């Protein structure tokens, strides 16, 4: 496995640490974040240039929030036929 050295702002490092549960690995957390970006970036390329990072982030946050809310509504709305 390749090794990479990265530099993180102290605040970002602390945020990542706070996301970890017992037994979680910071390296695994970062690998997962990279994989998510690899999956999403090609889709975002359809509407944004690579340097438009803030716009990309805003769209991802809005789209994920909308979908999570939709799924929560479906579960809470009794759509299971009970």
PDB file of N, CA and C in Angstrom:
ATOM      1  N   UNK A   1       0.856  -1.174   0.000  1.00  0.00           N
ATOM      2  CA  UNK A   1       0.000   0.000   0.000  1.00  0.00           C
ATOM      3  C   UNK A   1       0.898   1.232   0.000  1.00  0.00           C
ATOM      4  N   UNK A   2       0.550   2.185  -0.843  1.00  0.00           N
ATOM      5  CA  UNK A   2       1.323   3.425  -0.919  1.00  0.00           C
ATOM      6  C   UNK A   2       1.115   4.239   0.352  1.00  0.00           C
ATOM      7  N   UNK A   3       2.112   4.993   0.710  1.00  0.00           N
ATOM      8  CA  UNK A   3       2.022   5.887   1.869  1.00  0.00           C
ATOM      9  C   UNK A   3       2.038   7.320   1.371  1.00  0.00           C
ATOM     10  N   UNK A   4       1.183   8.127   1.963  1.00  0.00           N
ATOM     11  CA  UNK A   4       1.119   9.539   1.608  1.00  0.00           C
ATOM     12  C   UNK A   4       1.301  10.362   2.875  1.00  0.00           C
ATOM     13  N   UNK A   5       1.979  11.450   2.736  1.00  0.00           N
ATOM     14  CA  UNK A   5       2.112  12.389   3.842  1.00  0.00           C
ATOM     15  C   UNK A   5       1.233  13.583   3.529  1.00  0.00           C
ATOM     16  N   UNK A   6       0.373  13.931   4.477  1.00  0.00           N
ATOM     17  CA  UNK A   6      -0.499  15.087   4.278  1.00  0.00           C
ATOM     18  C   UNK A   6      -0.367  16.010   5.477  1.00  0.00           C
ATOM     19  N   UNK A   7      -0.642  17.244   5.237  1.00  0.00           N
ATOM     20  CA  UNK A   7      -0.624  18.249   6.297  1.00  0.00           C
ATOM     21  C   UNK A   7      -2.050  18.737   6.484  1.00  0.00           C
ATOM     22  N   UNK A   8      -2.505  18.714   7.728  1.00  0.00           N
ATOM     23  CA  UNK A   8      -3.853  19.169   8.053  1.00  0.00           C
ATOM     24  C   UNK A   8      -3.765  20.318   9.038  1.00  0.00           C
ATOM     25  N   UNK A   9      -4.634  21.276   8.864  1.00  0.00           N
ATOM     26  CA  UNK A   9      -4.753  22.326   9.873  1.00  0.00           C
ATOM     27  C   UNK A   9      -5.172  21.664  11.181  1.00  0.00           C
ATOM     28  N   UNK A  10      -4.699  22.195  12.301  1.00  0.00           N
ATOM     29  CA  UNK A  10      -5.021  21.606  13.602  1.00  0.00           C
ATOM     30  C   UNK A  10      -6.526  21.469  13.792  1.00  0.00           C
ATOM     31  N   UNK A  11      -7.283  22.475  13.362  1.00  0.00           N
ATOM     32  CA  UNK A  11      -8.737  22.439  13.529  1.00  0.00           C
ATOM     33  C   UNK A  11      -9.349  21.280  12.745  1.00  0.00           C
ATOM     34  N   UNK A  12      -8.884  21.058  11.519  1.00  0.00           N
ATOM     35  CA  UNK A  12      -9.403  19.968  10.706  1.00  0.00           C
ATOM     36  C   UNK A  12      -9.037  18.625  11.326  1.00  0.00           C
ATOM     37  N   UNK A  13      -7.810  18.504  11.805  1.00  0.00           N
ATOM     38  CA  UNK A  13      -7.389  17.274  12.457  1.00  0.00           C
ATOM     39  C   UNK A  13      -8.280  16.982  13.662  1.00  0.00           C
ATOM     40  N   UNK A  14      -8.585  18.001  14.434  1.00  0.00           N
ATOM     41  CA  UNK A  14      -9.447  17.822  15.605  1.00  0.00           C
ATOM     42  C   UNK A  14     -10.873  17.441  15.192  1.00  0.00           C
ATOM     43  N   UNK A  15     -11.365  18.025  14.112  1.00  0.00           N
ATOM     44  CA  UNK A  15     -12.699  17.672  13.621  1.00  0.00           C
ATOM     45  C   UNK A  15     -12.756  16.209  13.211  1.00  0.00           C
ATOM     46  N   UNK A  16     -11.721  15.758  12.501  1.00  0.00           N
ATOM     47  CA  UNK A  16     -11.674  14.350  12.086  1.00  0.00           C
ATOM     48  C   UNK A  16     -11.614  13.460  13.318  1.00  0.00           C
ATOM     49  N   UNK A  17     -10.756  13.791  14.252  1.00  0.00           N
ATOM     50  CA  UNK A  17     -10.632  13.003  15.485  1.00  0.00           C
ATOM     51  C   UNK A  17     -11.981  12.895  16.191  1.00  0.00           C
ATOM     52  N   UNK A  18     -12.749  13.974  16.196  1.00  0.00           N
ATOM     53  CA  UNK A  18     -14.043  13.960  16.895  1.00  0.00           C
ATOM     54  C   UNK A  18     -15.063  13.077  16.178  1.00  0.00           C
ATOM     55  N   UNK A  19     -14.852  12.803  14.891  1.00  0.00           N
ATOM     56  CA  UNK A  19     -15.753  11.943  14.122  1.00  0.00           C
ATOM     57  C   UNK A  19     -15.479  10.459  14.359  1.00  0.00           C
ATOM     58  N   UNK A  20     -14.315  10.146  14.873  1.00  0.00           N
ATOM     59  CA  UNK A  20     -13.911   8.749  15.020  1.00  0.00           C
ATOM     60  C   UNK A  20     -14.571   8.112  16.231  1.00  0.00           C
ATOM     61  N   UNK A  21     -14.948   6.855  16.074  1.00  0.00           N
ATOM     62  CA  UNK A  21     -15.463   6.055  17.182  1.00  0.00           C
ATOM     63  C   UNK A  21     -14.354   5.105  17.634  1.00  0.00           C
ATOM     64  N   UNK A  22     -14.599   4.440  18.731  1.00  0.00           N
ATOM     65  CA  UNK A  22     -13.623   3.488  19.249  1.00  0.00           C
ATOM     66  C   UNK A  22     -13.240   2.494  18.158  1.00  0.00           C
ATOM     67  N   UNK A  23     -11.951   2.326  17.929  1.00  0.00           N
ATOM     68  CA  UNK A  23     -11.460   1.382  16.943  1.00  0.00           C
ATOM     69  C   UNK A  23     -11.363   1.941  15.531  1.00  0.00           C
ATOM     70  N   UNK A  24     -11.888   3.142  15.309  1.00  0.00           N
ATOM     71  CA  UNK A  24     -11.799   3.755  13.982  1.00  0.00           C
ATOM     72  C   UNK A  24     -10.375   4.227  13.725  1.00  0.00           C
ATOM     73  N   UNK A  25     -10.023   4.258  12.469  1.00  0.00           N
ATOM     74  CA  UNK A  25      -8.699   4.700  12.038  1.00  0.00           C
ATOM     75  C   UNK A  25      -8.835   6.022  11.289  1.00  0.00           C
ATOM     76  N   UNK A  26      -7.997   6.976  11.628  1.00  0.00           N
ATOM     77  CA  UNK A  26      -8.003   8.247  10.905  1.00  0.00           C
ATOM     78  C   UNK A  26      -7.651   8.018   9.433  1.00  0.00           C
ATOM     79  N   UNK A  27      -6.707   7.124   9.179  1.00  0.00           N
ATOM     80  CA  UNK A  27      -6.331   6.820   7.794  1.00  0.00           C
ATOM     81  C   UNK A  27      -7.522   6.274   7.011  1.00  0.00           C
ATOM     82  N   UNK A  28      -8.285   5.381   7.630  1.00  0.00           N
ATOM     83  CA  UNK A  28      -9.454   4.819   6.962  1.00  0.00           C
ATOM     84  C   UNK A  28     -10.499   5.906   6.709  1.00  0.00           C
ATOM     85  N   UNK A  29     -10.678   6.815   7.670  1.00  0.00           N
ATOM     86  CA  UNK A  29     -11.619   7.909   7.516  1.00  0.00           C
ATOM     87  C   UNK A  29     -11.219   8.766   6.309  1.00  0.00           C
ATOM     88  N   UNK A  30      -9.935   9.072   6.190  1.00  0.00           N
ATOM     89  CA  UNK A  30      -9.441   9.896   5.084  1.00  0.00           C
ATOM     90  C   UNK A  30      -9.564   9.138   3.767  1.00  0.00           C
ATOM     91  N   UNK A  31      -9.251   7.827   3.755  1.00  0.00           N
ATOM     92  CA  UNK A  31      -9.418   7.035   2.524  1.00  0.00           C
ATOM     93  C   UNK A  31     -10.871   7.061   2.068  1.00  0.00           C
ATOM     94  N   UNK A  32     -11.804   6.928   3.006  1.00  0.00           N
ATOM     95  CA  UNK A  32     -13.228   6.940   2.662  1.00  0.00           C
ATOM     96  C   UNK A  32     -13.617   8.303   2.065  1.00  0.00           C
ATOM     97  N   UNK A  33     -13.128   9.378   2.658  1.00  0.00           N
ATOM     98  CA  UNK A  33     -13.419  10.716   2.131  1.00  0.00           C
ATOM     99  C   UNK A  33     -12.892  10.863   0.706  1.00  0.00           C
ATOM    100  N   UNK A  34     -11.723  10.336   0.449  1.00  0.00           N
ATOM    101  CA  UNK A  34     -11.146  10.399  -0.904  1.00  0.00           C
ATOM    102  C   UNK A  34     -12.004   9.599  -1.875  1.00  0.00           C
ATOM    103  N   UNK A  35     -12.432   8.408  -1.460  1.00  0.00           N
ATOM    104  CA  UNK A  35     -13.269   7.582  -2.334  1.00  0.00           C
ATOM    105  C   UNK A  35     -14.591   8.277  -2.646  1.00  0.00           C
ATOM    106  N   UNK A  36     -15.178   8.921  -1.652  1.00  0.00           N
ATOM    107  CA  UNK A  36     -16.425   9.651  -1.909  1.00  0.00           C
ATOM    108  C   UNK A  36     -16.192  10.740  -2.949  1.00  0.00           C
ATOM    109  N   UNK A  37     -15.110  11.449  -2.823  1.00  0.00           N
ATOM    110  CA  UNK A  37     -14.831  12.515  -3.786  1.00  0.00           C
ATOM    111  C   UNK A  37     -14.592  11.942  -5.178  1.00  0.00           C
ATOM    112  N   UNK A  38     -13.906  10.802  -5.253  1.00  0.00           N
ATOM    113  CA  UNK A  38     -13.673  10.188  -6.555  1.00  0.00           C
ATOM    114  C   UNK A  38     -14.981   9.801  -7.236  1.00  0.00           C
ATOM    115  N   UNK A  39     -15.982   9.425  -6.453  1.00  0.00           N
ATOM    116  CA  UNK A  39     -17.275   9.051  -7.022  1.00  0.00           C
ATOM    117  C   UNK A  39     -18.094  10.270  -7.428  1.00  0.00           C
ATOM    118  N   UNK A  40     -18.014  11.334  -6.653  1.00  0.00           N
ATOM    119  CA  UNK A  40     -18.871  12.499  -6.858  1.00  0.00           C
ATOM    120  C   UNK A  40     -18.287  13.501  -7.859  1.00  0.00           C
ATOM    121  N   UNK A  41     -16.978  13.660  -7.871  1.00  0.00           N
ATOM    122  CA  UNK A  41     -16.370  14.669  -8.738  1.00  0.00           C
ATOM    123  C   UNK A  41     -16.734  14.531 -10.215  1.00  0.00           C
ATOM    124  N   UNK A  42     -16.757  13.324 -10.784  1.00  0.00           N
ATOM    125  CA  UNK A  42     -17.146  13.240 -12.202  1.00  0.00           C
ATOM    126  C   UNK A  42     -18.554  13.762 -12.469  1.00  0.00           C
ATOM    127  N   UNK A  43     -19.449  13.591 -11.512  1.00  0.00           N
ATOM    128  CA  UNK A  43     -20.808  14.107 -11.675  1.00  0.00           C
ATOM    129  C   UNK A  43     -20.794  15.633 -11.600  1.00  0.00           C
ATOM    130  N   UNK A  44     -20.045  16.163 -10.637  1.00  0.00           N
ATOM    131  CA  UNK A  44     -19.962  17.620 -10.496  1.00  0.00           C
ATOM    132  C   UNK A  44     -19.273  18.273 -11.682  1.00  0.00           C
ATOM    133  N   UNK A  45     -18.402  17.530 -12.352  1.00  0.00           N
ATOM    134  CA  UNK A  45     -17.722  18.060 -13.541  1.00  0.00           C
ATOM    135  C   UNK A  45     -18.699  18.444 -14.639  1.00  0.00           C
ATOM    136  N   UNK A  46     -19.918  17.886 -14.565  1.00  0.00           N
ATOM    137  CA  UNK A  46     -20.924  18.204 -15.575  1.00  0.00           C
ATOM    138  C   UNK A  46     -21.404  19.643 -15.470  1.00  0.00           C
ATOM    139  N   UNK A  47     -21.271  20.262 -14.273  1.00  0.00           N
ATOM    140  CA  UNK A  47     -21.774  21.621 -14.103  1.00  0.00           C
ATOM    141  C   UNK A  47     -20.744  22.606 -13.555  1.00  0.00           C
ATOM    142  N   UNK A  48     -19.647  22.111 -13.001  1.00  0.00           N
ATOM    143  CA  UNK A  48     -18.651  23.002 -12.396  1.00  0.00           C
ATOM    144  C   UNK A  48     -17.250  22.686 -12.898  1.00  0.00           C
ATOM    145  N   UNK A  49     -16.424  23.719 -12.901  1.00  0.00           N
ATOM    146  CA  UNK A  49     -15.002  23.535 -13.170  1.00  0.00           C
ATOM    147  C   UNK A  49     -14.341  23.013 -11.894  1.00  0.00           C
ATOM    148  N   UNK A  50     -13.193  22.390 -12.019  1.00  0.00           N
ATOM    149  CA  UNK A  50     -12.529  21.778 -10.865  1.00  0.00           C
ATOM    150  C   UNK A  50     -12.146  22.798  -9.795  1.00  0.00           C
ATOM    151  N   UNK A  51     -11.894  24.036 -10.199  1.00  0.00           N
ATOM    152  CA  UNK A  51     -11.490  25.056  -9.226  1.00  0.00           C
ATOM    153  C   UNK A  51     -12.680  25.626  -8.437  1.00  0.00           C
ATOM    154  N   UNK A  52     -13.900  25.298  -8.811  1.00  0.00           N
ATOM    155  CA  UNK A  52     -15.092  25.820  -8.142  1.00  0.00           C
ATOM    156  C   UNK A  52     -15.447  24.940  -6.934  1.00  0.00           C
ATOM    157  N   UNK A  53     -14.519  24.872  -6.003  1.00  0.00           N
ATOM    158  CA  UNK A  53     -14.662  23.964  -4.862  1.00  0.00           C
ATOM    159  C   UNK A  53     -15.817  24.330  -3.946  1.00  0.00           C
ATOM    160  N   UNK A  54     -15.997  25.601  -3.651  1.00  0.00           N
ATOM    161  CA  UNK A  54     -17.081  26.011  -2.749  1.00  0.00           C
ATOM    162  C   UNK A  54     -18.438  25.700  -3.363  1.00  0.00           C
ATOM    163  N   UNK A  55     -18.599  25.967  -4.643  1.00  0.00           N
ATOM    164  CA  UNK A  55     -19.863  25.689  -5.314  1.00  0.00           C
ATOM    165  C   UNK A  55     -20.150  24.190  -5.310  1.00  0.00           C
ATOM    166  N   UNK A  56     -19.115  23.391  -5.538  1.00  0.00           N
ATOM    167  CA  UNK A  56     -19.258  21.934  -5.518  1.00  0.00           C
ATOM    168  C   UNK A  56     -19.711  21.464  -4.139  1.00  0.00           C
ATOM    169  N   UNK A  57     -19.062  21.973  -3.121  1.00  0.00           N
ATOM    170  CA  UNK A  57     -19.394  21.586  -1.753  1.00  0.00           C
ATOM    171  C   UNK A  57     -20.823  21.978  -1.403  1.00  0.00           C
ATOM    172  N   UNK A  58     -21.225  23.180  -1.773  1.00  0.00           N
ATOM    173  CA  UNK A  58     -22.586  23.638  -1.492  1.00  0.00           C
ATOM    174  C   UNK A  58     -23.620  22.745  -2.166  1.00  0.00           C
ATOM    175  N   UNK A  59     -23.359  22.360  -3.421  1.00  0.00           N
ATOM    176  CA  UNK A  59     -24.307  21.506  -4.133  1.00  0.00           C
ATOM    177  C   UNK A  59     -24.384  20.127  -3.485  1.00  0.00           C
ATOM    178  N   UNK A  60     -23.251  19.558  -3.126  1.00  0.00           N
ATOM    179  CA  UNK A  60     -23.248  18.235  -2.494  1.00  0.00           C
ATOM    180  C   UNK A  60     -24.005  18.277  -1.170  1.00  0.00           C
ATOM    181  N   UNK A  61     -23.734  19.283  -0.350  1.00  0.00           N
ATOM    182  CA  UNK A  61     -24.434  19.391   0.932  1.00  0.00           C
ATOM    183  C   UNK A  61     -25.944  19.526   0.727  1.00  0.00           C
ATOM    184  N   UNK A  62     -26.353  20.371  -0.211  1.00  0.00           N
ATOM    185  CA  UNK A  62     -27.779  20.579  -0.462  1.00  0.00           C
ATOM    186  C   UNK A  62     -28.430  19.299  -0.994  1.00  0.00           C
ATOM    187  N   UNK A  63     -27.771  18.611  -1.914  1.00  0.00           N
ATOM    188  CA  UNK A  63     -28.340  17.399  -2.495  1.00  0.00           C
ATOM    189  C   UNK A  63     -28.449  16.281  -1.464  1.00  0.00           C
ATOM    190  N   UNK A  64     -27.432  16.135  -0.648  1.00  0.00           N
ATOM    191  CA  UNK A  64     -27.474  15.099   0.379  1.00  0.00           C
ATOM    192  C   UNK A  64     -28.548  15.420   1.409  1.00  0.00           C
ATOM    193  N   UNK A  65     -28.638  16.669   1.844  1.00  0.00           N
ATOM    194  CA  UNK A  65     -29.674  17.055   2.805  1.00  0.00           C
ATOM    195  C   UNK A  65     -31.059  16.776   2.247  1.00  0.00           C
ATOM    196  N   UNK A  66     -31.289  17.137   0.980  1.00  0.00           N
ATOM    197  CA  UNK A  66     -32.590  16.925   0.352  1.00  0.00           C
ATOM    198  C   UNK A  66     -32.929  15.436   0.310  1.00  0.00           C
ATOM    199  N   UNK A  67     -31.979  14.610  -0.058  1.00  0.00           N
ATOM    200  CA  UNK A  67     -32.237  13.171  -0.158  1.00  0.00           C
ATOM    201  C   UNK A  67     -32.428  12.540   1.215  1.00  0.00           C
ATOM    202  N   UNK A  68     -31.642  12.936   2.197  1.00  0.00           N
ATOM    203  CA  UNK A  68     -31.811  12.407   3.550  1.00  0.00           C
ATOM    204  C   UNK A  68     -33.188  12.792   4.088  1.00  0.00           C
ATOM    205  N   UNK A  69     -33.583  14.041   3.909  1.00  0.00           N
ATOM    206  CA  UNK A  69     -34.900  14.474   4.358  1.00  0.00           C
ATOM    207  C   UNK A  69     -36.010  13.689   3.656  1.00  0.00           C
ATOM    208  N   UNK A  70     -35.850  13.445   2.366  1.00  0.00           N
ATOM    209  CA  UNK A  70     -36.845  12.682   1.609  1.00  0.00           C
ATOM    210  C   UNK A  70     -36.968  11.267   2.167  1.00  0.00           C
ATOM    211  N   UNK A  71     -35.838  10.645   2.441  1.00  0.00           N
ATOM    212  CA  UNK A  71     -35.866   9.278   2.963  1.00  0.00           C
ATOM    213  C   UNK A  71     -36.436   9.230   4.380  1.00  0.00           C
ATOM    214  N   UNK A  72     -36.112  10.216   5.203  1.00  0.00           N
ATOM    215  CA  UNK A  72     -36.673  10.266   6.550  1.00  0.00           C
ATOM    216  C   UNK A  72     -38.184  10.448   6.489  1.00  0.00           C
ATOM    217  N   UNK A  73     -38.646  11.314   5.580  1.00  0.00           N
ATOM    218  CA  UNK A  73     -40.082  11.535   5.419  1.00  0.00           C
ATOM    219  C   UNK A  73     -40.781  10.246   4.982  1.00  0.00           C
ATOM    220  N   UNK A  74     -40.145   9.491   4.099  1.00  0.00           N
ATOM    221  CA  UNK A  74     -40.732   8.240   3.614  1.00  0.00           C
ATOM    222  C   UNK A  74     -40.871   7.235   4.760  1.00  0.00           C
ATOM    223  N   UNK A  75     -39.881   7.166   5.619  1.00  0.00           N
ATOM    224  CA  UNK A  75     -39.923   6.246   6.749  1.00  0.00           C
ATOM    225  C   UNK A  75     -40.935   6.725   7.781  1.00  0.00           C
ATOM    226  N   UNK A  76     -40.892   7.983   8.106  1.00  0.00           N
ATOM    227  CA  UNK A  76     -41.763   8.543   9.151  1.00  0.00           C
ATOM    228  C   UNK A  76     -43.197   8.717   8.673  1.00  0.00           C
ATOM    229  N   UNK A  77     -43.398   8.750   7.376  1.00  0.00           N
ATOM    230  CA  UNK A  77     -44.729   8.981   6.838  1.00  0.00           C
ATOM    231  C   UNK A  77     -45.579   7.719   6.762  1.00  0.00           C
ATOM    232  N   UNK A  78     -45.020   6.608   7.239  1.00  0.00           N
ATOM    233  CA  UNK A  78     -45.786   5.359   7.233  1.00  0.00           C
ATOM    234  C   UNK A  78     -45.952   4.766   5.859  1.00  0.00           C
ATOM    235  N   UNK A  79     -45.003   5.002   4.958  1.00  0.00           N
ATOM    236  CA  UNK A  79     -45.127   4.475   3.605  1.00  0.00           C
ATOM    237  C   UNK A  79     -44.888   2.967   3.554  1.00  0.00           C
ATOM    238  N   UNK A  80     -44.655   2.351   4.736  1.00  0.00           N
ATOM    239  CA  UNK A  80     -44.430   0.910   4.767  1.00  0.00           C
ATOM    240  C   UNK A  80     -45.712   0.098   4.687  1.00  0.00           C
ATOM    241  N   UNK A  81     -46.857   0.744   4.622  1.00  0.00           N
ATOM    242  CA  UNK A  81     -48.109   0.047   4.459  1.00  0.00           C
ATOM    243  C   UNK A  81     -48.703  -0.471   5.756  1.00  0.00           C
ATOM    244  N   UNK A  82     -48.342   0.055   6.871  1.00  0.00           N
ATOM    245  CA  UNK A  82     -48.868  -0.412   8.174  1.00  0.00           C
ATOM    246  C   UNK A  82     -50.128   0.289   8.516  1.00  0.00           C
TER     247      UNK A  82
END
